[in-house]
Amino acid sequence: MENEPAGAFRLIRANRPFRVVWTARSVSFLGDSLSLVALMLYVADSTGQALAVALLLLVGDFAPALLGPLTGAITDRFAHKRVMVTCDL
């Protein structure tokens, strides 16, 4: 047996389209995470209250959960590729 990477790493190395999508999603996730940290620091600095930061995190978690069923029913009526591109933009 060769010294091949296992599982996902082999898929990333062997499949260029998958590698491009995986890289783009990784960069997007990193940007989302850094923007959340910046927003938390801004809220903490401008209000001086930990409660404001906690509410920011709660709203960030509960808003998608509450709106998920509604948005899922709406997006099922459109072409999935168009919905994905629109959401990413």
PDB file of N, CA and C in Angstrom:
ATOM      1  N   MET A   1       0.825  -1.177   0.000  1.00  0.00           N
ATOM      2  CA  MET A   1       0.000   0.000   0.000  1.00  0.00           C
ATOM      3  C   MET A   1       0.870   1.242   0.000  1.00  0.00           C
ATOM      4  N   GLU A   2       0.410   2.208  -0.730  1.00  0.00           N
ATOM      5  CA  GLU A   2       1.130   3.467  -0.786  1.00  0.00           C
ATOM      6  C   GLU A   2       0.846   4.286   0.465  1.00  0.00           C
ATOM      7  N   ASN A   3       1.565   5.349   0.581  1.00  0.00           N
ATOM      8  CA  ASN A   3       1.381   6.244   1.718  1.00  0.00           C
ATOM      9  C   ASN A   3       0.348   7.303   1.363  1.00  0.00           C
ATOM     10  N   GLU A   4      -0.877   6.870   1.084  1.00  0.00           N
ATOM     11  CA  GLU A   4      -1.981   7.762   0.679  1.00  0.00           C
ATOM     12  C   GLU A   4      -2.710   8.289   1.895  1.00  0.00           C
ATOM     13  N   PRO A   5      -3.114   9.549   1.853  1.00  0.00           N
ATOM     14  CA  PRO A   5      -3.953  10.062   2.936  1.00  0.00           C
ATOM     15  C   PRO A   5      -5.298   9.337   2.945  1.00  0.00           C
ATOM     16  N   ALA A   6      -5.886   9.224   4.095  1.00  0.00           N
ATOM     17  CA  ALA A   6      -7.130   8.472   4.229  1.00  0.00           C
ATOM     18  C   ALA A   6      -8.347   9.370   4.110  1.00  0.00           C
ATOM     19  N   GLY A   7      -9.451   8.776   3.684  1.00  0.00           N
ATOM     20  CA  GLY A   7     -10.770   9.391   3.724  1.00  0.00           C
ATOM     21  C   GLY A   7     -10.909  10.713   3.007  1.00  0.00           C
ATOM     22  N   ALA A   8     -11.253  11.720   3.782  1.00  0.00           N
ATOM     23  CA  ALA A   8     -11.587  13.021   3.220  1.00  0.00           C
ATOM     24  C   ALA A   8     -10.387  13.674   2.533  1.00  0.00           C
ATOM     25  N   PHE A   9      -9.201  13.487   3.086  1.00  0.00           N
ATOM     26  CA  PHE A   9      -8.024  14.107   2.471  1.00  0.00           C
ATOM     27  C   PHE A   9      -7.735  13.541   1.089  1.00  0.00           C
ATOM     28  N   ARG A  10      -8.001  12.274   0.907  1.00  0.00           N
ATOM     29  CA  ARG A  10      -7.822  11.667  -0.408  1.00  0.00           C
ATOM     30  C   ARG A  10      -8.832  12.254  -1.398  1.00  0.00           C
ATOM     31  N   LEU A  11     -10.064  12.454  -0.939  1.00  0.00           N
ATOM     32  CA  LEU A  11     -11.095  13.052  -1.780  1.00  0.00           C
ATOM     33  C   LEU A  11     -10.722  14.483  -2.161  1.00  0.00           C
ATOM     34  N   ILE A  12     -10.211  15.246  -1.213  1.00  0.00           N
ATOM     35  CA  ILE A  12      -9.819  16.629  -1.492  1.00  0.00           C
ATOM     36  C   ILE A  12      -8.676  16.683  -2.485  1.00  0.00           C
ATOM     37  N   ARG A  13      -7.705  15.803  -2.349  1.00  0.00           N
ATOM     38  CA  ARG A  13      -6.565  15.800  -3.271  1.00  0.00           C
ATOM     39  C   ARG A  13      -6.950  15.328  -4.665  1.00  0.00           C
ATOM     40  N   ALA A  14      -7.832  14.351  -4.755  1.00  0.00           N
ATOM     41  CA  ALA A  14      -8.107  13.708  -6.033  1.00  0.00           C
ATOM     42  C   ALA A  14      -9.174  14.424  -6.856  1.00  0.00           C
ATOM     43  N   ASN A  15     -10.060  15.171  -6.228  1.00  0.00           N
ATOM     44  CA  ASN A  15     -11.212  15.732  -6.926  1.00  0.00           C
ATOM     45  C   ASN A  15     -11.131  17.262  -6.903  1.00  0.00           C
ATOM     46  N   ARG A  16     -10.687  17.850  -8.017  1.00  0.00           N
ATOM     47  CA  ARG A  16     -10.476  19.296  -8.065  1.00  0.00           C
ATOM     48  C   ARG A  16     -11.753  20.107  -7.819  1.00  0.00           C
ATOM     49  N   PRO A  17     -12.898  19.783  -8.445  1.00  0.00           N
ATOM     50  CA  PRO A  17     -14.104  20.571  -8.154  1.00  0.00           C
ATOM     51  C   PRO A  17     -14.493  20.529  -6.668  1.00  0.00           C
ATOM     52  N   PHE A  18     -14.355  19.356  -6.054  1.00  0.00           N
ATOM     53  CA  PHE A  18     -14.650  19.256  -4.622  1.00  0.00           C
ATOM     54  C   PHE A  18     -13.663  20.081  -3.812  1.00  0.00           C
ATOM     55  N   ARG A  19     -12.396  20.071  -4.207  1.00  0.00           N
ATOM     56  CA  ARG A  19     -11.367  20.836  -3.509  1.00  0.00           C
ATOM     57  C   ARG A  19     -11.663  22.326  -3.563  1.00  0.00           C
ATOM     58  N   VAL A  20     -12.135  22.814  -4.706  1.00  0.00           N
ATOM     59  CA  VAL A  20     -12.464  24.230  -4.850  1.00  0.00           C
ATOM     60  C   VAL A  20     -13.639  24.603  -3.949  1.00  0.00           C
ATOM     61  N   VAL A  21     -14.682  23.783  -3.940  1.00  0.00           N
ATOM     62  CA  VAL A  21     -15.841  24.053  -3.093  1.00  0.00           C
ATOM     63  C   VAL A  21     -15.447  23.968  -1.616  1.00  0.00           C
ATOM     64  N   TRP A  22     -14.662  22.968  -1.246  1.00  0.00           N
ATOM     65  CA  TRP A  22     -14.246  22.793   0.132  1.00  0.00           C
ATOM     66  C   TRP A  22     -13.416  23.990   0.594  1.00  0.00           C
ATOM     67  N   THR A  23     -12.512  24.460  -0.244  1.00  0.00           N
ATOM     68  CA  THR A  23     -11.691  25.617   0.103  1.00  0.00           C
ATOM     69  C   THR A  23     -12.542  26.866   0.259  1.00  0.00           C
ATOM     70  N   ALA A  24     -13.474  27.080  -0.658  1.00  0.00           N
ATOM     71  CA  ALA A  24     -14.350  28.249  -0.576  1.00  0.00           C
ATOM     72  C   ALA A  24     -15.194  28.206   0.692  1.00  0.00           C
ATOM     73  N   ARG A  25     -15.729  27.049   1.026  1.00  0.00           N
ATOM     74  CA  ARG A  25     -16.537  26.928   2.250  1.00  0.00           C
ATOM     75  C   ARG A  25     -15.683  27.136   3.498  1.00  0.00           C
ATOM     76  N   SER A  26     -14.445  26.673   3.469  1.00  0.00           N
ATOM     77  CA  SER A  26     -13.550  26.863   4.614  1.00  0.00           C
ATOM     78  C   SER A  26     -13.229  28.337   4.824  1.00  0.00           C
ATOM     79  N   VAL A  27     -12.946  29.049   3.751  1.00  0.00           N
ATOM     80  CA  VAL A  27     -12.665  30.482   3.845  1.00  0.00           C
ATOM     81  C   VAL A  27     -13.911  31.225   4.323  1.00  0.00           C
ATOM     82  N   SER A  28     -15.071  30.838   3.815  1.00  0.00           N
ATOM     83  CA  SER A  28     -16.319  31.463   4.233  1.00  0.00           C
ATOM     84  C   SER A  28     -16.582  31.228   5.719  1.00  0.00           C
ATOM     85  N   PHE A  29     -16.360  30.014   6.188  1.00  0.00           N
ATOM     86  CA  PHE A  29     -16.556  29.704   7.604  1.00  0.00           C
ATOM     87  C   PHE A  29     -15.608  30.508   8.476  1.00  0.00           C
ATOM     88  N   LEU A  30     -14.356  30.635   8.051  1.00  0.00           N
ATOM     89  CA  LEU A  30     -13.382  31.417   8.800  1.00  0.00           C
ATOM     90  C   LEU A  30     -13.813  32.883   8.870  1.00  0.00           C
ATOM     91  N   GLY A  31     -14.280  33.430   7.758  1.00  0.00           N
ATOM     92  CA  GLY A  31     -14.752  34.812   7.746  1.00  0.00           C
ATOM     93  C   GLY A  31     -15.967  35.013   8.636  1.00  0.00           C
ATOM     94  N   ASP A  32     -16.906  34.080   8.605  1.00  0.00           N
ATOM     95  CA  ASP A  32     -18.086  34.170   9.475  1.00  0.00           C
ATOM     96  C   ASP A  32     -17.686  34.135  10.946  1.00  0.00           C
ATOM     97  N   SER A  33     -16.746  33.269  11.280  1.00  0.00           N
ATOM     98  CA  SER A  33     -16.307  33.151  12.667  1.00  0.00           C
ATOM     99  C   SER A  33     -15.608  34.422  13.135  1.00  0.00           C
ATOM    100  N   LEU A  34     -14.751  34.973  12.300  1.00  0.00           N
ATOM    101  CA  LEU A  34     -14.048  36.202  12.674  1.00  0.00           C
ATOM    102  C   LEU A  34     -15.000  37.385  12.775  1.00  0.00           C
ATOM    103  N   SER A  35     -16.008  37.436  11.913  1.00  0.00           N
ATOM    104  CA  SER A  35     -16.966  38.540  12.002  1.00  0.00           C
ATOM    105  C   SER A  35     -17.802  38.436  13.267  1.00  0.00           C
ATOM    106  N   LEU A  36     -18.114  37.224  13.719  1.00  0.00           N
ATOM    107  CA  LEU A  36     -18.849  37.054  14.971  1.00  0.00           C
ATOM    108  C   LEU A  36     -18.003  37.512  16.152  1.00  0.00           C
ATOM    109  N   VAL A  37     -16.729  37.185  16.135  1.00  0.00           N
ATOM    110  CA  VAL A  37     -15.842  37.637  17.212  1.00  0.00           C
ATOM    111  C   VAL A  37     -15.766  39.156  17.226  1.00  0.00           C
ATOM    112  N   ALA A  38     -15.627  39.766  16.062  1.00  0.00           N
ATOM    113  CA  ALA A  38     -15.573  41.230  15.989  1.00  0.00           C
ATOM    114  C   ALA A  38     -16.875  41.849  16.479  1.00  0.00           C
ATOM    115  N   LEU A  39     -18.000  41.271  16.116  1.00  0.00           N
ATOM    116  CA  LEU A  39     -19.291  41.795  16.559  1.00  0.00           C
ATOM    117  C   LEU A  39     -19.447  41.663  18.072  1.00  0.00           C
ATOM    118  N   MET A  40     -19.023  40.542  18.639  1.00  0.00           N
ATOM    119  CA  MET A  40     -19.105  40.377  20.093  1.00  0.00           C
ATOM    120  C   MET A  40     -18.222  41.390  20.808  1.00  0.00           C
ATOM    121  N   LEU A  41     -17.019  41.615  20.295  1.00  0.00           N
ATOM    122  CA  LEU A  41     -16.134  42.604  20.907  1.00  0.00           C
ATOM    123  C   LEU A  41     -16.715  44.008  20.805  1.00  0.00           C
ATOM    124  N   TYR A  42     -17.327  44.323  19.680  1.00  0.00           N
ATOM    125  CA  TYR A  42     -17.940  45.639  19.510  1.00  0.00           C
ATOM    126  C   TYR A  42     -19.103  45.839  20.482  1.00  0.00           C
ATOM    127  N   VAL A  43     -19.968  44.835  20.591  1.00  0.00           N
ATOM    128  CA  VAL A  43     -21.113  44.932  21.503  1.00  0.00           C
ATOM    129  C   VAL A  43     -20.627  45.034  22.945  1.00  0.00           C
ATOM    130  N   ALA A  44     -19.638  44.253  23.315  1.00  0.00           N
ATOM    131  CA  ALA A  44     -19.111  44.300  24.678  1.00  0.00           C
ATOM    132  C   ALA A  44     -18.485  45.656  24.973  1.00  0.00           C
ATOM    133  N   ASP A  45     -17.768  46.214  23.995  1.00  0.00           N
ATOM    134  CA  ASP A  45     -17.116  47.508  24.190  1.00  0.00           C
ATOM    135  C   ASP A  45     -18.123  48.659  24.224  1.00  0.00           C
ATOM    136  N   SER A  46     -19.117  48.613  23.360  1.00  0.00           N
ATOM    137  CA  SER A  46     -20.057  49.738  23.271  1.00  0.00           C
ATOM    138  C   SER A  46     -21.097  49.720  24.397  1.00  0.00           C
ATOM    139  N   THR A  47     -21.472  48.533  24.888  1.00  0.00           N
ATOM    140  CA  THR A  47     -22.471  48.477  25.958  1.00  0.00           C
ATOM    141  C   THR A  47     -21.843  48.256  27.321  1.00  0.00           C
ATOM    142  N   GLY A  48     -20.729  47.548  27.365  1.00  0.00           N
ATOM    143  CA  GLY A  48     -20.101  47.231  28.639  1.00  0.00           C
ATOM    144  C   GLY A  48     -20.837  46.169  29.434  1.00  0.00           C
ATOM    145  N   GLN A  49     -21.754  45.466  28.793  1.00  0.00           N
ATOM    146  CA  GLN A  49     -22.558  44.477  29.502  1.00  0.00           C
ATOM    147  C   GLN A  49     -22.406  43.096  28.872  1.00  0.00           C
ATOM    148  N   ALA A  50     -22.175  42.116  29.726  1.00  0.00           N
ATOM    149  CA  ALA A  50     -22.089  40.739  29.248  1.00  0.00           C
ATOM    150  C   ALA A  50     -23.455  40.242  28.779  1.00  0.00           C
ATOM    151  N   LEU A  51     -24.521  40.776  29.354  1.00  0.00           N
ATOM    152  CA  LEU A  51     -25.872  40.374  28.957  1.00  0.00           C
ATOM    153  C   LEU A  51     -26.133  40.698  27.486  1.00  0.00           C
ATOM    154  N   ALA A  52     -25.625  41.819  27.014  1.00  0.00           N
ATOM    155  CA  ALA A  52     -25.813  42.188  25.606  1.00  0.00           C
ATOM    156  C   ALA A  52     -25.119  41.190  24.684  1.00  0.00           C
ATOM    157  N   VAL A  53     -23.942  40.745  25.073  1.00  0.00           N
ATOM    158  CA  VAL A  53     -23.223  39.741  24.272  1.00  0.00           C
ATOM    159  C   VAL A  53     -23.979  38.415  24.310  1.00  0.00           C
ATOM    160  N   ALA A  54     -24.491  38.043  25.471  1.00  0.00           N
ATOM    161  CA  ALA A  54     -25.261  36.800  25.584  1.00  0.00           C
ATOM    162  C   ALA A  54     -26.518  36.856  24.729  1.00  0.00           C
ATOM    163  N   LEU A  55     -27.214  37.991  24.734  1.00  0.00           N
ATOM    164  CA  LEU A  55     -28.410  38.130  23.892  1.00  0.00           C
ATOM    165  C   LEU A  55     -28.060  38.073  22.414  1.00  0.00           C
ATOM    166  N   LEU A  56     -26.931  38.665  22.045  1.00  0.00           N
ATOM    167  CA  LEU A  56     -26.471  38.593  20.653  1.00  0.00           C
ATOM    168  C   LEU A  56     -26.270  37.146  20.229  1.00  0.00           C
ATOM    169  N   LEU A  57     -25.644  36.356  21.075  1.00  0.00           N
ATOM    170  CA  LEU A  57     -25.408  34.945  20.749  1.00  0.00           C
ATOM    171  C   LEU A  57     -26.710  34.151  20.723  1.00  0.00           C
ATOM    172  N   LEU A  58     -27.618  34.442  21.642  1.00  0.00           N
ATOM    173  CA  LEU A  58     -28.907  33.735  21.652  1.00  0.00           C
ATOM    174  C   LEU A  58     -29.724  34.048  20.409  1.00  0.00           C
ATOM    175  N   VAL A  59     -29.777  35.303  20.029  1.00  0.00           N
ATOM    176  CA  VAL A  59     -30.527  35.673  18.820  1.00  0.00           C
ATOM    177  C   VAL A  59     -29.893  35.024  17.594  1.00  0.00           C
ATOM    178  N   GLY A  60     -28.567  34.991  17.566  1.00  0.00           N
ATOM    179  CA  GLY A  60     -27.877  34.354  16.445  1.00  0.00           C
ATOM    180  C   GLY A  60     -28.165  32.873  16.321  1.00  0.00           C
ATOM    181  N   ASP A  61     -28.443  32.216  17.457  1.00  0.00           N
ATOM    182  CA  ASP A  61     -28.752  30.785  17.425  1.00  0.00           C
ATOM    183  C   ASP A  61     -30.235  30.506  17.204  1.00  0.00           C
ATOM    184  N   PHE A  62     -31.093  31.314  17.809  1.00  0.00           N
ATOM    185  CA  PHE A  62     -32.519  31.021  17.747  1.00  0.00           C
ATOM    186  C   PHE A  62     -33.205  31.534  16.487  1.00  0.00           C
ATOM    187  N   ALA A  63     -32.697  32.592  15.884  1.00  0.00           N
ATOM    188  CA  ALA A  63     -33.342  33.124  14.684  1.00  0.00           C
ATOM    189  C   ALA A  63     -33.398  32.087  13.556  1.00  0.00           C
ATOM    190  N   PRO A  64     -32.291  31.415  13.229  1.00  0.00           N
ATOM    191  CA  PRO A  64     -32.390  30.383  12.186  1.00  0.00           C
ATOM    192  C   PRO A  64     -33.312  29.227  12.578  1.00  0.00           C
ATOM    193  N   ALA A  65     -33.308  28.865  13.852  1.00  0.00           N
ATOM    194  CA  ALA A  65     -34.169  27.761  14.294  1.00  0.00           C
ATOM    195  C   ALA A  65     -35.651  28.125  14.187  1.00  0.00           C
ATOM    196  N   LEU A  66     -35.984  29.358  14.483  1.00  0.00           N
ATOM    197  CA  LEU A  66     -37.378  29.779  14.407  1.00  0.00           C
ATOM    198  C   LEU A  66     -37.840  30.006  12.976  1.00  0.00           C
ATOM    199  N   LEU A  67     -36.947  30.517  12.146  1.00  0.00           N
ATOM    200  CA  LEU A  67     -37.323  30.817  10.761  1.00  0.00           C
ATOM    201  C   LEU A  67     -37.094  29.650   9.810  1.00  0.00           C
ATOM    202  N   GLY A  68     -36.386  28.628  10.269  1.00  0.00           N
ATOM    203  CA  GLY A  68     -36.057  27.489   9.414  1.00  0.00           C
ATOM    204  C   GLY A  68     -37.245  26.821   8.747  1.00  0.00           C
ATOM    205  N   PRO A  69     -38.281  26.463   9.486  1.00  0.00           N
ATOM    206  CA  PRO A  69     -39.422  25.802   8.841  1.00  0.00           C
ATOM    207  C   PRO A  69     -40.106  26.686   7.796  1.00  0.00           C
ATOM    208  N   LEU A  70     -40.223  27.959   8.073  1.00  0.00           N
ATOM    209  CA  LEU A  70     -40.854  28.874   7.120  1.00  0.00           C
ATOM    210  C   LEU A  70     -39.996  29.018   5.859  1.00  0.00           C
ATOM    211  N   THR A  71     -38.717  29.255   6.049  1.00  0.00           N
ATOM    212  CA  THR A  71     -37.852  29.426   4.884  1.00  0.00           C
ATOM    213  C   THR A  71     -37.708  28.122   4.103  1.00  0.00           C
ATOM    214  N   GLY A  72     -37.756  26.983   4.805  1.00  0.00           N
ATOM    215  CA  GLY A  72     -37.689  25.702   4.106  1.00  0.00           C
ATOM    216  C   GLY A  72     -38.886  25.488   3.200  1.00  0.00           C
ATOM    217  N   ALA A  73     -40.063  25.854   3.688  1.00  0.00           N
ATOM    218  CA  ALA A  73     -41.273  25.701   2.871  1.00  0.00           C
ATOM    219  C   ALA A  73     -41.251  26.641   1.663  1.00  0.00           C
ATOM    220  N   ILE A  74     -40.708  27.830   1.851  1.00  0.00           N
ATOM    221  CA  ILE A  74     -40.644  28.792   0.736  1.00  0.00           C
ATOM    222  C   ILE A  74     -39.614  28.357  -0.297  1.00  0.00           C
ATOM    223  N   THR A  75     -38.438  27.934   0.154  1.00  0.00           N
ATOM    224  CA  THR A  75     -37.378  27.591  -0.793  1.00  0.00           C
ATOM    225  C   THR A  75     -37.670  26.315  -1.571  1.00  0.00           C
ATOM    226  N   ASP A  76     -38.538  25.455  -1.058  1.00  0.00           N
ATOM    227  CA  ASP A  76     -38.890  24.245  -1.802  1.00  0.00           C
ATOM    228  C   ASP A  76     -39.642  24.563  -3.087  1.00  0.00           C
ATOM    229  N   ARG A  77     -40.144  25.759  -3.208  1.00  0.00           N
ATOM    230  CA  ARG A  77     -40.911  26.152  -4.395  1.00  0.00           C
ATOM    231  C   ARG A  77     -40.024  26.666  -5.525  1.00  0.00           C
ATOM    232  N   PHE A  78     -38.730  26.866  -5.253  1.00  0.00           N
ATOM    233  CA  PHE A  78     -37.802  27.414  -6.248  1.00  0.00           C
ATOM    234  C   PHE A  78     -36.728  26.391  -6.581  1.00  0.00           C
ATOM    235  N   ALA A  79     -35.998  26.660  -7.656  1.00  0.00           N
ATOM    236  CA  ALA A  79     -34.898  25.780  -8.055  1.00  0.00           C
ATOM    237  C   ALA A  79     -33.803  25.840  -6.987  1.00  0.00           C
ATOM    238  N   HIS A  80     -33.344  24.686  -6.538  1.00  0.00           N
ATOM    239  CA  HIS A  80     -32.395  24.619  -5.438  1.00  0.00           C
ATOM    240  C   HIS A  80     -31.073  25.308  -5.770  1.00  0.00           C
ATOM    241  N   LYS A  81     -30.617  25.188  -6.994  1.00  0.00           N
ATOM    242  CA  LYS A  81     -29.349  25.827  -7.360  1.00  0.00           C
ATOM    243  C   LYS A  81     -29.467  27.341  -7.245  1.00  0.00           C
ATOM    244  N   ARG A  82     -30.564  27.895  -7.722  1.00  0.00           N
ATOM    245  CA  ARG A  82     -30.767  29.352  -7.650  1.00  0.00           C
ATOM    246  C   ARG A  82     -30.866  29.826  -6.205  1.00  0.00           C
ATOM    247  N   VAL A  83     -31.534  29.041  -5.348  1.00  0.00           N
ATOM    248  CA  VAL A  83     -31.644  29.401  -3.931  1.00  0.00           C
ATOM    249  C   VAL A  83     -30.269  29.401  -3.271  1.00  0.00           C
ATOM    250  N   MET A  84     -29.446  28.399  -3.554  1.00  0.00           N
ATOM    251  CA  MET A  84     -28.116  28.309  -2.963  1.00  0.00           C
ATOM    252  C   MET A  84     -27.256  29.490  -3.393  1.00  0.00           C
ATOM    253  N   VAL A  85     -27.277  29.830  -4.651  1.00  0.00           N
ATOM    254  CA  VAL A  85     -26.472  30.952  -5.145  1.00  0.00           C
ATOM    255  C   VAL A  85     -26.957  32.264  -4.535  1.00  0.00           C
ATOM    256  N   THR A  86     -28.264  32.448  -4.463  1.00  0.00           N
ATOM    257  CA  THR A  86     -28.821  33.673  -3.885  1.00  0.00           C
ATOM    258  C   THR A  86     -28.454  33.796  -2.411  1.00  0.00           C
ATOM    259  N   CYS A  87     -28.542  32.717  -1.669  1.00  0.00           N
ATOM    260  CA  CYS A  87     -28.198  32.763  -0.242  1.00  0.00           C
ATOM    261  C   CYS A  87     -26.719  33.051  -0.025  1.00  0.00           C
ATOM    262  N   ASP A  88     -25.858  32.499  -0.857  1.00  0.00           N
ATOM    263  CA  ASP A  88     -24.430  32.766  -0.711  1.00  0.00           C
ATOM    264  C   ASP A  88     -24.075  34.205  -1.067  1.00  0.00           C
ATOM    265  N   LEU A  89     -24.817  34.768  -2.010  1.00  0.00           N
ATOM    266  CA  LEU A  89     -24.549  36.167  -2.363  1.00  0.00           C
ATOM    267  C   LEU A  89     -25.013  37.083  -1.262  1.00  0.00           C
TER     268      LEU A  89
END
